[in-house]
Protein backbone atom coordinates (compact mmCIF):
# COMPACT_ATOMS: atom_id res chain seq x y z
CA MET A 1 28.87 53.96 -47.00
CA GLY A 2 29.97 50.35 -46.85
CA LEU A 3 33.32 48.66 -46.68
CA PRO A 4 35.42 49.07 -49.79
CA THR A 5 35.56 46.02 -52.24
CA MET A 6 38.39 45.13 -54.47
CA LYS A 7 37.71 45.75 -58.19
CA PRO A 8 36.92 42.79 -60.32
CA GLY A 9 40.11 40.66 -61.27
CA ASN A 10 42.53 42.64 -58.76
CA GLU A 11 41.96 39.94 -55.97
CA ALA A 12 43.07 37.28 -58.58
CA LYS A 13 46.15 39.38 -59.49
CA LEU A 14 47.01 39.94 -55.84
CA ALA A 15 46.59 35.94 -55.12
CA GLU A 16 48.97 35.26 -58.02
CA ILE A 17 51.61 37.83 -56.65
CA PHE A 18 51.40 35.90 -53.41
CA ARG A 19 51.80 32.47 -55.10
CA VAL A 20 54.60 33.45 -57.23
CA VAL A 21 56.61 35.21 -54.54
CA LEU A 22 55.97 32.38 -51.97
CA ASP A 23 56.54 29.95 -54.58
CA VAL A 24 53.41 27.82 -54.03
CA ASP A 25 50.87 25.84 -56.09
CA ASN A 26 47.82 27.36 -57.57
CA ASP A 27 45.70 25.36 -55.13
CA TYR A 28 47.58 26.80 -52.12
CA ASP A 29 45.22 28.82 -50.01
CA VAL A 30 46.86 32.29 -50.09
CA ILE A 31 43.70 34.06 -48.71
CA SER A 32 44.38 32.82 -45.21
CA VAL A 33 48.21 33.19 -45.29
CA ARG A 34 49.80 35.40 -42.62
CA ARG A 35 53.27 36.54 -42.41
CA VAL A 36 54.02 35.19 -38.92
CA ALA A 37 52.73 31.61 -39.77
CA GLU A 38 54.36 31.30 -43.24
CA PRO A 39 58.07 30.43 -43.06
CA ARG A 40 58.47 31.37 -46.74
CA TRP A 41 57.40 34.94 -46.08
CA ASP A 42 60.65 36.23 -44.90
CA SER A 43 61.84 39.79 -45.38
CA LEU A 44 63.03 39.12 -48.98
CA ALA A 45 59.55 37.75 -49.79
CA HIS A 46 57.91 40.80 -48.13
CA THR A 47 59.93 43.19 -50.17
CA SER A 48 58.94 41.12 -53.36
CA ILE A 49 55.38 41.29 -52.52
CA VAL A 50 55.59 45.11 -51.97
CA ALA A 51 57.34 45.51 -55.20
CA ALA A 52 55.07 43.30 -57.35
CA ALA A 53 52.08 44.92 -55.84
CA GLU A 54 53.40 48.58 -56.57
CA SER A 55 54.32 47.36 -60.20
CA GLU A 56 51.08 45.51 -60.87
CA PHE A 57 48.80 48.16 -59.43
CA GLY A 58 50.60 51.23 -60.49
CA ILE A 59 50.83 52.53 -56.91
CA GLU A 60 53.66 53.70 -54.49
CA LEU A 61 53.33 52.36 -51.05
CA GLU A 62 54.45 54.22 -47.88
CA ILE A 63 56.48 52.40 -45.04
CA ALA A 64 53.51 52.40 -42.88
CA ASP A 65 51.43 50.67 -45.80
CA MET A 66 54.19 48.15 -46.06
CA ASP A 67 54.10 47.47 -42.31
CA ARG A 68 50.34 46.81 -42.65
CA MET A 69 50.88 44.10 -45.11
CA SER A 70 50.99 41.30 -42.60
CA SER A 71 48.59 38.99 -44.30
CA PHE A 72 46.83 38.40 -47.62
CA THR A 73 43.66 39.75 -46.21
CA ALA A 74 45.44 42.80 -44.73
CA THR A 75 47.13 43.54 -48.07
CA ARG A 76 43.87 43.31 -49.78
CA LEU A 77 42.15 45.61 -47.48
CA LEU A 78 44.92 48.22 -47.84
CA LEU A 79 44.54 47.88 -51.75
CA GLU A 80 40.94 48.25 -51.50
CA GLU A 81 41.37 51.46 -49.33
CA LYS A 82 43.50 52.71 -52.25
CA GLY A 83 40.68 52.16 -54.55
CA LEU A 84 41.89 49.12 -56.30
């Protein structure tokens, strides 16, 4: 069994969540964004990313899941593991 992959369209939805919350242009490279390196990703932005992901994908994230969301890539992997 290989690594999970995100369903078509979901990565674009996730990228849009990051762009809106972090208030960046459409050409901003959200795929490489990491919380420790992005000054706009503060605690309020993190909470907003979590809430938007829960709403967009119809899921409820645990505290441990939220802690894992340290980058776009880590968030994508988490959602892939949840079957999205």
